[in-house]
Amino acid sequence: MKNRIIITTILLTTLVFGACKKTLELNPLDKIATSDFYKTKGDFDKVLAAVYASLQVEEFSVGIGFRDCFTDNGYAQFNSGSSKDFVQGTFSPTTGGYETALYNDSYIGIARANSLIKNLSAYKNSDMTDNDRKLYEGEARFMRAFFYFQLYSIYGDVPLVLEPLTLDNQKQAKVPAAQILTQITADLDYGIANLNKVSYAQNGGHVTSTSAKALKARVLLFAAFGNNGTPDATILTQVRDLCKDVMAQYSLSPNFEDTFRDATQKGNPEIIFSINYLAPNNASQVDMYYGDWDACAPLQNMVDAFECTDGLPYGTSPLTDAAHPFKNRDPRLAKTVYVDSVDFGGGKVHHPSNLRPTGYGTIKFLEPGNIPYGFSTLSQQDIVVLRLGEVLLMYAEAENEIAGPDATVYDAMKTLRARVGMPPFPAGYTKDQMRERIRHERRIELAFEGLRHYDLLRWHIAGPVLNAVKSSLIVYHFEDKFYRWPLPQTEIDKSGGVLVQNPNYK
């Protein structure tokens, strides 16, 4: 059994919406009123489990790889999350998919966190210590920061809701994105100060102080590039220092693939935060999505981006073997992508039931022990949200922008590449050359972990990169307005004019 939070489903409508007006104050007999629920410390555990459960919706968990289909990495043959609409330039306030889900599901998570925080302050029973209160609030505020980062990075200006809403104030106007960022960092700073200082592996599936530091580094790395892709050295200094703190407490998993496999996730020294599953009652569809449906098909240009084992680009290296394209390649290629069928060796083979539109599939998140994959597959591998591999890349990027390619930048990249037997970068890089190598390394190391989209947006290179894609089954057309997504039209309509659409979509 895994040492983790076991997610429960809690149907507490009033926890989200608060009390009604006087004429509606009679509590429904089939629901629990907020005022009647929080009676013991154990009740806060249940609500905290519901806050964590907010992460299990597709776009934050098993569909994490689909976010790469909004980029030059993959193709979603089922239009997962409306990625085809995005890359083809037909994205609009009524598109639906992730355009709506990211917004709505983020606010569901925020509402649950707000309910816990508000009722925590009113709870006076002796079964909860001051330290307990700080831990509960720290975890809830970490989650609230996570969800607000989704909104901040994708939509920009959004409503800032910090308490349970009522019928009187449920229609909320937007606030500037900078105000959202301030709240995110305040929540994460609270978590850094008050969450347990142990590593994530030692904390039973609960976020820790280092989880908050790693998430804050990701948030600030995004914020540091502003609206034009020009980095802010002051913000990057914070990123660098946060990463140094995390790097001192974690180590890379000896094997790249172990971070994503069920049997090797418990106690894994690289994982800083993950979304937990426990079959059979709390299983996911990750093996079916990627292994049987091929819902996230790597593009040829993504496959070609993996270097040869000498560190030179495929096609340029003398080790290039066009007849055997996976031969002499960065080992992460075969641990990320499969050709036509899933094959782990030793007879562990699965032939997907769906078409492979690009000829490739994503093997990175698949569990060999769950073959054959299908509707009955009960996947329980955790979805890794934060890990040391990303932190090393964030450190190297921040330090290179601040001071150039010094020894610590080279060391971070050497450590990351050495795990898979890839050679270190050659000496003598300029800042610009190192920047390009780090960006390329992020694409390879973090492929299909949902971060490529963030990167193209924050570097402000989504236009030239996506409009240059020629290896997809559809024609890419990126417009500058897509650096900020439209707010869902359904939310605009429900607000009665209080919530105003982002300027480029009016």
Protein backbone atom coordinates (compact mmCIF):
# COMPACT_ATOMS: atom_id res chain seq x y z
CA MET A 1 0.00 0.00 0.00
CA LYS A 2 1.22 3.43 -0.81
CA ASN A 3 1.74 5.96 1.96
CA ARG A 4 -0.52 8.68 0.70
CA ILE A 5 -3.64 10.69 1.13
CA ILE A 6 -6.61 8.52 0.14
CA ILE A 7 -8.89 10.81 -1.80
CA THR A 8 -12.55 10.92 -0.80
CA THR A 9 -15.50 12.48 -2.55
CA ILE A 10 -17.31 15.04 -0.48
CA LEU A 11 -20.57 16.52 -1.63
CA LEU A 12 -20.71 19.65 0.47
CA THR A 13 -22.50 22.14 -1.69
CA THR A 14 -22.66 24.75 1.03
CA LEU A 15 -18.90 24.57 1.56
CA VAL A 16 -18.49 26.15 -1.85
CA PHE A 17 -21.38 28.54 -2.01
CA GLY A 18 -21.77 29.59 1.63
CA ALA A 19 -24.99 30.58 3.33
CA CYS A 20 -28.07 31.69 1.40
CA LYS A 21 -30.32 34.65 2.08
CA LYS A 22 -32.68 34.49 5.04
CA THR A 23 -35.55 33.13 2.94
CA LEU A 24 -33.37 30.20 1.87
CA GLU A 25 -31.70 29.38 5.17
CA LEU A 26 -33.51 26.09 5.74
CA ASN A 27 -30.86 23.41 5.19
CA PRO A 28 -31.73 20.68 2.67
CA LEU A 29 -32.22 17.39 4.51
CA ASP A 30 -29.94 15.51 2.09
CA LYS A 31 -26.94 17.87 2.45
CA ILE A 32 -24.61 18.95 5.23
CA ALA A 33 -24.54 22.63 6.12
CA THR A 34 -21.17 24.25 6.70
CA SER A 35 -22.16 25.23 10.23
CA ASP A 36 -22.93 21.60 11.06
CA PHE A 37 -19.94 19.96 9.42
CA TYR A 38 -16.73 21.14 11.06
CA LYS A 39 -17.08 19.38 14.42
CA THR A 40 -13.72 17.60 14.81
CA LYS A 41 -10.18 17.75 13.48
CA GLY A 42 -11.03 14.73 11.35
CA ASP A 43 -13.58 16.79 9.45
CA PHE A 44 -10.78 19.10 8.31
CA ASP A 45 -8.89 16.02 7.07
CA LYS A 46 -11.88 15.14 4.89
CA VAL A 47 -12.11 18.63 3.43
CA LEU A 48 -8.36 18.72 2.85
CA ALA A 49 -8.70 15.44 0.95
CA ALA A 50 -11.36 17.12 -1.20
CA VAL A 51 -8.98 20.01 -1.87
CA TYR A 52 -6.31 17.57 -3.06
CA ALA A 53 -8.98 15.73 -5.09
CA SER A 54 -9.55 18.94 -7.06
CA LEU A 55 -6.29 18.17 -8.85
CA GLN A 56 -7.56 14.87 -10.26
CA VAL A 57 -9.54 16.41 -13.11
CA GLU A 58 -8.06 15.60 -16.50
CA GLU A 59 -6.31 18.87 -17.31
CA PHE A 60 -4.22 18.82 -14.12
CA SER A 61 -3.51 15.09 -13.88
CA VAL A 62 -3.87 12.29 -16.43
CA GLY A 63 -4.28 14.80 -19.28
CA ILE A 64 -1.04 16.58 -18.44
CA GLY A 65 0.53 15.31 -21.67
CA PHE A 66 -2.31 16.72 -23.74
CA ARG A 67 -1.03 20.20 -22.94
CA ASP A 68 1.96 19.40 -25.15
CA CYS A 69 -0.52 19.03 -28.02
CA PHE A 70 -0.99 22.81 -27.78
CA THR A 71 2.65 23.02 -28.88
CA ASP A 72 5.13 21.66 -31.41
CA ASN A 73 5.50 18.42 -29.43
CA GLY A 74 2.34 16.44 -30.03
CA TYR A 75 -0.89 15.84 -31.92
CA ALA A 76 -4.20 15.06 -30.20
CA GLN A 77 -6.21 12.94 -32.60
CA PHE A 78 -9.32 13.35 -30.41
CA ASN A 79 -8.84 17.13 -30.09
CA SER A 80 -8.12 16.61 -26.40
CA GLY A 81 -8.77 19.85 -24.56
CA SER A 82 -9.53 21.61 -27.87
CA SER A 83 -5.84 21.65 -28.76
CA LYS A 84 -6.59 21.50 -32.50
CA ASP A 85 -8.64 24.68 -32.22
CA PHE A 86 -5.76 26.39 -30.48
CA VAL A 87 -2.98 25.43 -32.90
CA GLN A 88 -5.17 26.02 -35.97
CA GLY A 89 -6.09 29.51 -34.79
CA THR A 90 -9.82 28.94 -34.33
CA PHE A 91 -9.72 29.37 -30.54
CA SER A 92 -12.56 31.53 -29.15
CA PRO A 93 -14.56 32.21 -25.96
CA THR A 94 -16.97 29.42 -26.93
CA THR A 95 -14.40 26.76 -27.87
CA GLY A 96 -14.83 24.78 -24.65
CA GLY A 97 -12.42 21.99 -23.71
CA TYR A 98 -9.49 23.24 -21.67
CA GLU A 99 -10.44 26.84 -22.45
CA THR A 100 -13.41 26.34 -20.11
CA ALA A 101 -12.19 23.48 -17.92
CA LEU A 102 -9.00 25.20 -16.72
CA TYR A 103 -11.05 28.18 -15.60
CA ASN A 104 -13.93 26.35 -13.95
CA ASP A 105 -11.94 23.58 -12.31
CA SER A 106 -9.39 26.04 -10.93
CA TYR A 107 -12.14 27.97 -9.19
CA ILE A 108 -13.65 24.75 -7.81
CA GLY A 109 -10.29 23.98 -6.20
CA ILE A 110 -9.98 27.56 -4.96
CA ALA A 111 -13.48 27.43 -3.44
CA ARG A 112 -12.64 24.26 -1.52
CA ALA A 113 -9.40 25.75 -0.23
CA ASN A 114 -11.18 28.96 0.79
CA SER A 115 -13.80 27.02 2.72
CA LEU A 116 -11.17 25.14 4.69
CA ILE A 117 -9.17 28.29 5.47
CA LYS A 118 -12.23 30.28 6.61
CA ASN A 119 -13.61 27.53 8.87
CA LEU A 120 -10.16 26.80 10.25
CA SER A 121 -9.99 30.30 11.70
CA ALA A 122 -13.33 29.78 13.48
CA TYR A 123 -12.54 26.33 14.86
CA LYS A 124 -11.70 26.39 18.59
CA ASN A 125 -11.81 22.75 19.68
CA SER A 126 -8.89 21.43 21.69
CA ASP A 127 -8.21 18.48 19.35
CA MET A 128 -6.29 20.81 17.02
CA THR A 129 -2.95 22.38 17.93
CA ASP A 130 -1.56 25.64 16.60
CA ASN A 131 0.88 23.62 14.51
CA ASP A 132 -2.03 21.62 13.05
CA ARG A 133 -3.74 24.85 12.05
CA LYS A 134 -0.64 26.09 10.28
CA LEU A 135 -0.21 22.81 8.41
CA TYR A 136 -3.83 22.72 7.25
CA GLU A 137 -3.72 26.34 6.14
CA GLY A 138 -0.33 25.89 4.50
CA GLU A 139 -1.57 22.97 2.41
CA ALA A 140 -4.78 24.75 1.45
CA ARG A 141 -2.88 27.89 0.47
CA PHE A 142 -0.41 25.84 -1.60
CA MET A 143 -3.36 24.40 -3.53
CA ARG A 144 -4.96 27.81 -3.92
CA ALA A 145 -1.66 29.13 -5.29
CA PHE A 146 -1.44 26.21 -7.71
CA PHE A 147 -4.89 26.91 -9.12
CA TYR A 148 -4.36 30.66 -9.31
CA PHE A 149 -1.14 30.05 -11.22
CA GLN A 150 -3.15 28.19 -13.86
CA LEU A 151 -5.44 31.20 -14.17
CA TYR A 152 -2.62 33.76 -14.05
CA SER A 153 -0.47 32.07 -16.67
CA ILE A 154 -3.28 31.32 -19.12
CA TYR A 155 -5.90 34.06 -18.75
CA GLY A 156 -4.04 36.94 -17.05
CA ASP A 157 -6.61 39.18 -15.34
CA VAL A 158 -9.18 37.08 -13.44
CA PRO A 159 -11.36 37.43 -10.32
CA LEU A 160 -9.50 37.16 -7.01
CA VAL A 161 -11.66 35.19 -4.60
CA LEU A 162 -10.27 34.57 -1.11
CA GLU A 163 -13.43 33.68 0.84
CA PRO A 164 -16.47 31.46 0.20
CA LEU A 165 -18.93 33.30 -2.01
CA THR A 166 -22.56 33.95 -1.21
CA LEU A 167 -25.53 34.77 -3.40
CA ASP A 168 -24.84 38.42 -2.71
CA ASN A 169 -21.25 38.49 -3.99
CA GLN A 170 -20.97 35.55 -6.36
CA LYS A 171 -20.52 37.81 -9.40
CA GLN A 172 -16.89 38.88 -9.28
CA ALA A 173 -15.00 41.30 -11.51
CA LYS A 174 -11.45 40.76 -12.73
CA VAL A 175 -8.39 42.17 -11.00
CA PRO A 176 -5.02 42.85 -12.72
CA ALA A 177 -2.78 39.83 -13.26
CA ALA A 178 -0.13 41.46 -11.05
CA GLN A 179 -2.53 41.28 -8.11
CA ILE A 180 -3.10 37.58 -8.75
CA LEU A 181 0.67 37.04 -8.78
CA THR A 182 1.02 38.86 -5.46
CA GLN A 183 -1.55 36.55 -3.88
CA ILE A 184 0.10 33.44 -5.32
CA THR A 185 3.47 34.37 -3.85
CA ALA A 186 1.89 35.30 -0.50
CA ASP A 187 0.20 31.90 -0.29
CA LEU A 188 3.39 30.07 -1.20
CA ASP A 189 5.44 32.12 1.25
CA TYR A 190 3.02 31.04 3.99
CA GLY A 191 3.54 27.43 2.92
CA ILE A 192 7.32 27.81 2.85
CA ALA A 193 7.26 29.14 6.41
CA ASN A 194 4.72 26.74 7.92
CA LEU A 195 4.70 23.42 6.06
CA ASN A 196 6.90 20.52 7.17
CA LYS A 197 10.55 20.96 6.26
CA VAL A 198 11.05 17.29 5.37
CA SER A 199 11.25 15.99 1.80
CA TYR A 200 8.04 15.10 -0.01
CA ALA A 201 8.86 11.38 0.18
CA GLN A 202 8.90 11.60 3.97
CA ASN A 203 5.57 13.42 4.28
CA GLY A 204 2.94 10.86 3.33
CA GLY A 205 1.66 12.51 0.16
CA HIS A 206 1.24 15.96 1.74
CA VAL A 207 2.97 18.99 0.27
CA THR A 208 5.98 20.31 2.12
CA SER A 209 7.95 23.52 2.44
CA THR A 210 10.14 22.43 -0.48
CA SER A 211 7.03 21.73 -2.59
CA ALA A 212 6.05 25.36 -2.03
CA LYS A 213 9.57 26.56 -2.91
CA ALA A 214 9.60 24.57 -6.16
CA LEU A 215 6.16 25.81 -7.18
CA LYS A 216 7.12 29.40 -6.33
CA ALA A 217 10.23 29.01 -8.52
CA ARG A 218 8.04 27.86 -11.43
CA VAL A 219 5.62 30.75 -10.89
CA LEU A 220 8.37 33.37 -10.70
CA LEU A 221 10.20 31.92 -13.69
CA PHE A 222 7.03 32.46 -15.71
CA ALA A 223 6.51 35.95 -14.29
CA ALA A 224 10.13 36.95 -14.89
CA PHE A 225 9.65 37.13 -18.66
CA GLY A 226 6.74 39.58 -18.50
CA ASN A 227 4.73 40.20 -21.65
CA ASN A 228 7.61 40.39 -24.12
CA GLY A 229 9.97 37.55 -23.25
CA THR A 230 12.66 39.80 -21.75
CA PRO A 231 13.85 38.33 -18.42
CA ASP A 232 13.88 40.31 -15.17
CA ALA A 233 17.14 39.57 -13.32
CA THR A 234 15.71 40.56 -9.94
CA ILE A 235 12.92 37.99 -10.18
CA LEU A 236 15.30 35.39 -11.59
CA THR A 237 17.55 35.84 -8.57
CA GLN A 238 14.66 34.68 -6.41
CA VAL A 239 14.14 31.70 -8.73
CA ARG A 240 17.81 30.74 -8.50
CA ASP A 241 17.88 30.93 -4.70
CA LEU A 242 14.68 28.92 -4.31
CA CYS A 243 16.07 26.23 -6.60
CA LYS A 244 19.33 26.08 -4.64
CA ASP A 245 17.36 25.39 -1.46
CA VAL A 246 15.40 22.58 -3.12
CA MET A 247 18.47 21.09 -4.80
CA ALA A 248 20.11 20.70 -1.39
CA GLN A 249 17.29 18.41 -0.20
CA TYR A 250 16.56 16.20 -3.23
CA SER A 251 18.47 13.96 -5.62
CA LEU A 252 17.74 12.60 -9.07
CA SER A 253 16.11 9.21 -9.34
CA PRO A 254 18.83 6.80 -10.55
CA ASN A 255 16.70 5.81 -13.53
CA PHE A 256 14.81 8.42 -15.56
CA GLU A 257 11.71 6.25 -15.95
CA ASP A 258 11.43 5.36 -12.24
CA THR A 259 9.92 8.76 -11.47
CA PHE A 260 6.83 7.85 -13.52
CA ARG A 261 6.37 4.15 -12.70
CA ASP A 262 4.08 3.01 -9.90
CA ALA A 263 6.47 0.57 -8.23
CA THR A 264 9.30 3.12 -7.98
CA GLN A 265 7.41 6.26 -6.99
CA LYS A 266 7.09 5.61 -3.28
CA GLY A 267 10.14 7.12 -1.59
CA ASN A 268 11.47 8.41 -4.91
CA PRO A 269 14.13 11.03 -4.07
CA GLU A 270 13.31 13.20 -7.10
CA ILE A 271 9.57 13.77 -6.65
CA ILE A 272 8.71 17.08 -4.98
CA PHE A 273 4.95 16.93 -5.48
CA SER A 274 2.60 14.51 -7.24
CA ILE A 275 -1.11 13.84 -7.66
CA ASN A 276 -1.77 10.53 -5.94
CA TYR A 277 -3.91 7.58 -6.98
CA LEU A 278 -4.68 4.28 -5.28
CA ALA A 279 -6.44 1.50 -7.20
CA PRO A 280 -9.04 0.11 -7.32
CA ASN A 281 -11.21 2.81 -5.73
CA ASN A 282 -9.16 5.75 -6.89
CA ALA A 283 -7.66 4.73 -10.24
CA SER A 284 -7.02 6.76 -13.38
CA GLN A 285 -7.11 6.21 -17.15
CA VAL A 286 -3.51 7.20 -17.85
CA ASP A 287 -2.47 3.83 -19.37
CA MET A 288 -5.55 3.69 -21.57
CA TYR A 289 -5.21 7.30 -22.74
CA TYR A 290 -1.56 7.07 -23.78
CA GLY A 291 -0.98 3.36 -24.31
CA ASP A 292 -4.18 2.23 -26.01
CA TRP A 293 -5.86 5.32 -27.44
CA ASP A 294 -2.65 7.15 -28.41
CA ALA A 295 -4.45 10.34 -27.41
CA CYS A 296 -1.13 12.23 -27.35
CA ALA A 297 0.88 11.37 -30.46
CA PRO A 298 4.43 12.81 -30.61
CA LEU A 299 5.20 14.76 -33.77
CA GLN A 300 8.13 13.87 -36.03
CA ASN A 301 9.89 17.15 -35.21
CA MET A 302 9.68 16.23 -31.52
CA VAL A 303 11.27 12.83 -32.18
CA ASP A 304 13.97 14.45 -34.33
CA ALA A 305 14.80 16.89 -31.52
CA PHE A 306 16.42 14.15 -29.41
CA GLU A 307 20.20 14.22 -29.89
CA CYS A 308 22.47 11.35 -30.74
CA THR A 309 24.54 9.84 -27.94
CA ASP A 310 27.53 12.02 -28.86
CA GLY A 311 25.50 15.12 -27.97
CA LEU A 312 25.16 16.28 -31.57
CA PRO A 313 21.81 16.84 -33.32
CA TYR A 314 20.17 13.95 -35.11
CA GLY A 315 20.89 14.34 -38.80
CA THR A 316 24.15 16.19 -38.10
CA SER A 317 25.88 13.61 -35.92
CA PRO A 318 27.92 10.92 -37.67
CA LEU A 319 25.99 8.46 -35.47
CA THR A 320 22.76 9.23 -37.35
CA ASP A 321 21.24 6.00 -38.67
CA ALA A 322 18.24 6.80 -40.85
CA ALA A 323 17.40 3.11 -41.20
CA HIS A 324 17.27 2.70 -37.40
CA PRO A 325 16.29 6.16 -36.11
CA PHE A 326 16.17 5.16 -32.42
CA LYS A 327 19.69 3.73 -32.55
CA ASN A 328 22.51 5.81 -31.01
CA ARG A 329 19.99 8.31 -29.63
CA ASP A 330 19.55 10.07 -26.30
CA PRO A 331 18.11 7.26 -24.10
CA ARG A 332 15.26 9.55 -23.08
CA LEU A 333 13.79 9.14 -26.57
CA ALA A 334 12.92 5.47 -26.06
CA LYS A 335 11.76 6.23 -22.50
CA THR A 336 9.41 8.96 -23.78
CA VAL A 337 8.17 7.77 -27.20
CA TYR A 338 7.11 4.42 -28.61
CA VAL A 339 6.94 3.50 -32.28
CA ASP A 340 3.59 2.06 -33.35
CA SER A 341 3.30 -0.36 -30.39
CA VAL A 342 4.22 -0.25 -26.71
CA ASP A 343 7.16 -2.58 -26.08
CA PHE A 344 8.96 -2.72 -22.74
CA GLY A 345 10.88 -5.86 -23.66
CA GLY A 346 10.58 -9.26 -22.05
CA GLY A 347 7.24 -9.87 -23.72
CA LYS A 348 5.64 -6.75 -22.25
CA VAL A 349 3.99 -5.60 -25.50
CA HIS A 350 0.69 -3.82 -26.18
CA HIS A 351 -0.75 -3.01 -29.59
CA PRO A 352 -2.97 0.06 -29.27
CA SER A 353 -6.57 -0.33 -30.38
CA ASN A 354 -6.61 3.13 -31.95
CA LEU A 355 -4.72 4.54 -34.91
CA ARG A 356 -1.23 5.99 -34.45
CA PRO A 357 -1.69 9.12 -36.60
CA THR A 358 1.97 10.18 -36.44
CA GLY A 359 3.34 6.65 -36.08
CA TYR A 360 4.32 7.37 -32.48
CA GLY A 361 2.84 7.27 -28.98
CA THR A 362 3.83 8.47 -25.52
CA ILE A 363 5.37 5.73 -23.34
CA LYS A 364 6.65 8.00 -20.57
CA PHE A 365 3.75 7.56 -18.15
CA LEU A 366 2.87 3.93 -18.87
CA GLU A 367 3.09 1.13 -16.32
CA PRO A 368 4.45 -2.15 -17.79
CA GLY A 369 2.64 -4.22 -15.19
CA ASN A 370 -0.76 -2.98 -16.36
CA ILE A 371 -0.53 -4.44 -19.88
CA PRO A 372 -2.93 -5.03 -21.66
CA TYR A 373 -4.34 -1.51 -21.54
CA GLY A 374 -8.05 -0.84 -21.92
CA PHE A 375 -11.22 0.31 -20.23
CA SER A 376 -10.74 -2.12 -17.34
CA THR A 377 -7.17 -1.00 -16.60
CA LEU A 378 -6.86 0.40 -13.06
CA SER A 379 -3.86 2.71 -13.26
CA GLN A 380 -2.50 4.02 -9.97
CA GLN A 381 0.82 5.59 -10.94
CA ASP A 382 0.98 9.11 -9.55
CA ILE A 383 1.08 12.13 -11.85
CA VAL A 384 4.30 13.98 -11.07
CA VAL A 385 3.79 17.74 -10.88
CA LEU A 386 7.14 18.92 -9.50
CA ARG A 387 10.47 17.09 -9.61
CA LEU A 388 14.15 17.80 -9.26
CA GLY A 389 14.82 17.46 -12.99
CA GLU A 390 12.75 20.58 -13.59
CA VAL A 391 14.36 22.39 -10.65
CA LEU A 392 17.85 21.80 -12.11
CA LEU A 393 16.66 23.27 -15.39
CA MET A 394 15.08 26.27 -13.66
CA TYR A 395 18.28 26.89 -11.73
CA ALA A 396 20.44 26.70 -14.86
CA GLU A 397 18.14 29.00 -16.83
CA ALA A 398 17.94 31.61 -14.07
CA GLU A 399 21.66 31.59 -13.31
CA ASN A 400 22.59 31.79 -16.99
CA GLU A 401 20.37 34.84 -17.47
CA ILE A 402 21.81 36.50 -14.36
CA ALA A 403 25.52 35.70 -14.64
CA GLY A 404 26.07 33.82 -17.87
CA PRO A 405 27.16 30.18 -18.27
CA ASP A 406 29.23 29.81 -15.09
CA ALA A 407 30.43 26.53 -13.59
CA THR A 408 27.20 25.95 -11.65
CA VAL A 409 25.15 26.13 -14.83
CA TYR A 410 27.40 23.58 -16.51
CA ASP A 411 27.27 21.37 -13.40
CA ALA A 412 23.47 21.38 -13.24
CA MET A 413 23.20 20.35 -16.88
CA LYS A 414 25.98 17.79 -16.52
CA THR A 415 24.17 16.18 -13.58
CA LEU A 416 20.87 16.00 -15.46
CA ARG A 417 22.35 14.57 -18.65
CA ALA A 418 24.70 12.15 -16.89
CA ARG A 419 21.72 10.26 -15.47
CA VAL A 420 20.92 9.00 -18.97
CA GLY A 421 24.52 8.76 -20.15
CA MET A 422 24.50 11.90 -22.28
CA PRO A 423 27.73 13.92 -22.49
CA PRO A 424 28.09 17.33 -20.78
CA PHE A 425 27.86 20.51 -22.79
CA PRO A 426 31.15 21.61 -24.37
CA ALA A 427 33.00 24.46 -22.69
CA GLY A 428 33.04 28.00 -24.04
CA TYR A 429 29.35 28.72 -24.59
CA THR A 430 28.15 32.30 -24.67
CA LYS A 431 25.05 33.24 -22.68
CA ASP A 432 22.94 33.05 -25.86
CA GLN A 433 24.32 29.63 -26.80
CA MET A 434 23.73 28.27 -23.30
CA ARG A 435 20.21 29.71 -23.31
CA GLU A 436 19.36 27.77 -26.44
CA ARG A 437 20.83 24.54 -25.07
CA ILE A 438 18.93 24.87 -21.80
CA ARG A 439 15.69 25.55 -23.65
CA HIS A 440 16.28 22.51 -25.82
CA GLU A 441 17.09 20.42 -22.75
CA ARG A 442 13.81 21.47 -21.14
CA ARG A 443 11.93 20.26 -24.21
CA ILE A 444 13.62 16.85 -24.03
CA GLU A 445 13.72 16.24 -20.27
CA LEU A 446 10.19 17.51 -19.58
CA ALA A 447 8.49 16.24 -22.74
CA PHE A 448 4.74 15.70 -22.29
CA GLU A 449 4.79 16.87 -18.67
CA GLY A 450 2.63 19.83 -19.69
CA LEU A 451 5.32 22.52 -19.45
CA ARG A 452 6.21 23.16 -23.09
CA HIS A 453 3.12 25.36 -23.48
CA TYR A 454 4.14 27.50 -20.48
CA ASP A 455 7.64 27.82 -21.92
CA LEU A 456 6.56 29.01 -25.37
CA LEU A 457 4.25 31.57 -23.76
CA ARG A 458 6.74 32.96 -21.23
CA TRP A 459 9.62 33.12 -23.71
CA HIS A 460 7.21 34.82 -26.09
CA ILE A 461 8.27 32.60 -28.98
CA ALA A 462 5.01 30.70 -29.50
CA GLY A 463 4.32 32.50 -32.78
CA PRO A 464 7.54 31.74 -34.66
CA VAL A 465 7.85 28.22 -33.20
CA LEU A 466 4.30 27.05 -33.80
CA ASN A 467 3.84 28.68 -37.18
CA ALA A 468 6.98 26.86 -38.34
CA VAL A 469 5.56 23.38 -37.56
CA LYS A 470 5.30 21.35 -40.75
CA SER A 471 5.22 17.77 -39.44
CA SER A 472 1.68 17.76 -38.04
CA LEU A 473 -1.50 16.48 -39.65
CA ILE A 474 -3.04 19.95 -39.35
CA VAL A 475 -1.90 23.44 -40.31
CA TYR A 476 -0.68 25.53 -37.40
CA HIS A 477 -1.73 29.16 -37.14
CA PHE A 478 -0.79 31.05 -33.96
CA GLU A 479 -1.90 34.63 -33.36
CA ASP A 480 -0.47 36.96 -30.72
CA LYS A 481 -3.81 37.16 -28.94
CA PHE A 482 -3.36 33.52 -27.92
CA TYR A 483 -0.68 34.52 -25.43
CA ARG A 484 -3.74 35.18 -23.25
CA TRP A 485 -6.73 32.87 -23.54
CA PRO A 486 -10.31 34.15 -23.67
CA LEU A 487 -12.42 33.82 -20.56
CA PRO A 488 -15.17 31.23 -21.09
CA GLN A 489 -18.22 32.90 -22.60
CA THR A 490 -20.43 30.94 -20.23
CA GLU A 491 -18.81 32.78 -17.30
CA ILE A 492 -19.18 36.15 -19.01
CA ASP A 493 -22.87 35.47 -19.58
CA LYS A 494 -23.53 34.29 -16.02
CA SER A 495 -21.91 37.38 -14.55
CA GLY A 496 -24.41 39.75 -16.12
CA GLY A 497 -21.65 42.05 -17.34
CA VAL A 498 -19.60 42.10 -14.14
CA LEU A 499 -16.93 39.86 -15.66
CA VAL A 500 -15.45 41.51 -18.75
CA GLN A 501 -13.93 39.50 -21.60
CA ASN A 502 -10.21 39.80 -22.35
CA PRO A 503 -9.69 42.66 -24.85
CA ASN A 504 -8.63 40.62 -27.90
CA TYR A 505 -11.80 38.50 -27.83
CA LYS A 506 -14.53 41.10 -27.53
